[in-house]
Amino acid sequence: MASTHCIPLLWMVHEPTPAYQAHTPATRTLKVRTGHYDYQRMPKPVPWIYLKGYWLEQAGFSIGATIQVQVSSGRIVVTVEDVDAPSKSMD
């Protein structure tokens, strides 16, 4: 039987390299995916957009920041409410 080894997750926790930061595009192409509300008995698909990455922090969206979301037809604008406010821990 083949042996299995536990691989520490520490290798996944890293800061972005300068090369990564230099090649981070200002425009991102994402996909609207199918999501569901967990509380619904017969879940109906709901549009879902997943935003995650070092590029968010590089753009001023630090962990704990309060954001404002403006929605209009075919457009969503996400803005940090107070750029100068210190980030709050999410613990």
Protein backbone atom coordinates (compact mmCIF):
# COMPACT_ATOMS: atom_id res chain seq x y z
CA MET A 1 0.00 0.00 0.00
CA ALA A 2 1.32 3.43 -0.90
CA SER A 3 2.17 5.68 2.01
CA THR A 4 0.52 9.05 2.33
CA HIS A 5 2.26 12.12 3.63
CA CYS A 6 0.77 15.23 5.14
CA ILE A 7 2.00 18.30 3.32
CA PRO A 8 2.17 21.42 5.51
CA LEU A 9 0.04 24.28 4.25
CA LEU A 10 2.72 26.82 5.09
CA TRP A 11 4.01 26.77 1.53
CA MET A 12 0.67 28.25 0.44
CA VAL A 13 0.91 31.25 2.76
CA HIS A 14 3.11 33.81 1.07
CA GLU A 15 3.28 37.42 0.13
CA PRO A 16 3.03 38.41 -3.52
CA THR A 17 6.39 38.82 -5.20
CA PRO A 18 7.39 42.09 -6.89
CA ALA A 19 7.17 40.27 -10.25
CA TYR A 20 3.57 39.28 -9.45
CA GLN A 21 2.71 42.83 -8.43
CA ALA A 22 4.24 44.24 -11.61
CA HIS A 23 2.10 41.95 -13.78
CA THR A 24 -1.21 42.41 -11.94
CA PRO A 25 -3.66 43.83 -14.50
CA ALA A 26 -5.92 46.77 -13.65
CA THR A 27 -8.86 45.04 -15.36
CA ARG A 28 -9.99 41.56 -14.34
CA THR A 29 -12.29 39.23 -16.24
CA LEU A 30 -14.37 37.13 -13.87
CA LYS A 31 -17.30 34.80 -14.36
CA VAL A 32 -20.75 35.11 -12.76
CA ARG A 33 -21.31 31.71 -11.21
CA THR A 34 -24.27 29.83 -9.81
CA GLY A 35 -24.76 30.07 -6.06
CA HIS A 36 -27.55 29.19 -3.63
CA TYR A 37 -28.93 30.58 -0.38
CA ASP A 38 -28.47 27.87 2.25
CA TYR A 39 -31.65 28.75 4.11
CA GLN A 40 -34.00 28.02 1.20
CA ARG A 41 -35.84 24.72 1.30
CA MET A 42 -35.86 24.39 -2.50
CA PRO A 43 -32.82 26.47 -3.44
CA LYS A 44 -33.18 28.57 -6.54
CA PRO A 45 -29.92 29.43 -8.34
CA VAL A 46 -28.67 32.92 -7.60
CA PRO A 47 -25.87 34.80 -9.42
CA TRP A 48 -22.59 34.81 -7.47
CA ILE A 49 -19.31 36.69 -8.02
CA TYR A 50 -16.17 35.58 -6.16
CA LEU A 51 -13.53 38.25 -5.49
CA LYS A 52 -10.30 37.16 -3.82
CA GLY A 53 -6.62 37.91 -4.26
CA TYR A 54 -3.61 40.01 -3.34
CA TRP A 55 -4.68 42.43 -6.05
CA LEU A 56 -7.59 43.56 -3.82
CA GLU A 57 -5.18 44.74 -1.13
CA GLN A 58 -2.96 46.36 -3.76
CA ALA A 59 -6.03 48.31 -4.88
CA GLY A 60 -6.74 49.53 -1.32
CA PHE A 61 -9.21 46.83 -0.21
CA SER A 62 -7.48 45.66 2.96
CA ILE A 63 -8.96 42.99 5.25
CA GLY A 64 -11.63 44.55 7.46
CA ALA A 65 -12.21 47.60 5.23
CA THR A 66 -15.78 48.81 4.84
CA ILE A 67 -16.89 48.96 1.23
CA GLN A 68 -19.75 50.58 -0.63
CA VAL A 69 -21.37 48.74 -3.56
CA GLN A 70 -23.22 50.77 -6.20
CA VAL A 71 -25.36 48.78 -8.62
CA SER A 72 -26.81 49.93 -11.94
CA SER A 73 -27.80 48.12 -15.11
CA GLY A 74 -24.81 46.08 -16.27
CA ARG A 75 -22.41 47.75 -13.82
CA ILE A 76 -21.22 47.21 -10.24
CA VAL A 77 -18.84 49.71 -8.61
CA VAL A 78 -17.09 48.69 -5.38
CA THR A 79 -15.43 51.50 -3.40
CA VAL A 80 -13.58 51.54 -0.08
CA GLU A 81 -15.52 53.90 2.21
CA ASP A 82 -12.59 55.19 4.29
CA VAL A 83 -9.17 54.53 2.80
CA ASP A 84 -7.35 56.12 5.77
CA ALA A 85 -9.12 54.02 8.44
CA PRO A 86 -6.95 51.32 10.01
CA SER A 87 -7.90 47.78 9.03
CA LYS A 88 -9.80 45.81 11.65
CA SER A 89 -9.05 42.23 12.56
CA MET A 90 -11.69 39.74 11.46
CA ASP A 91 -11.01 37.42 14.44
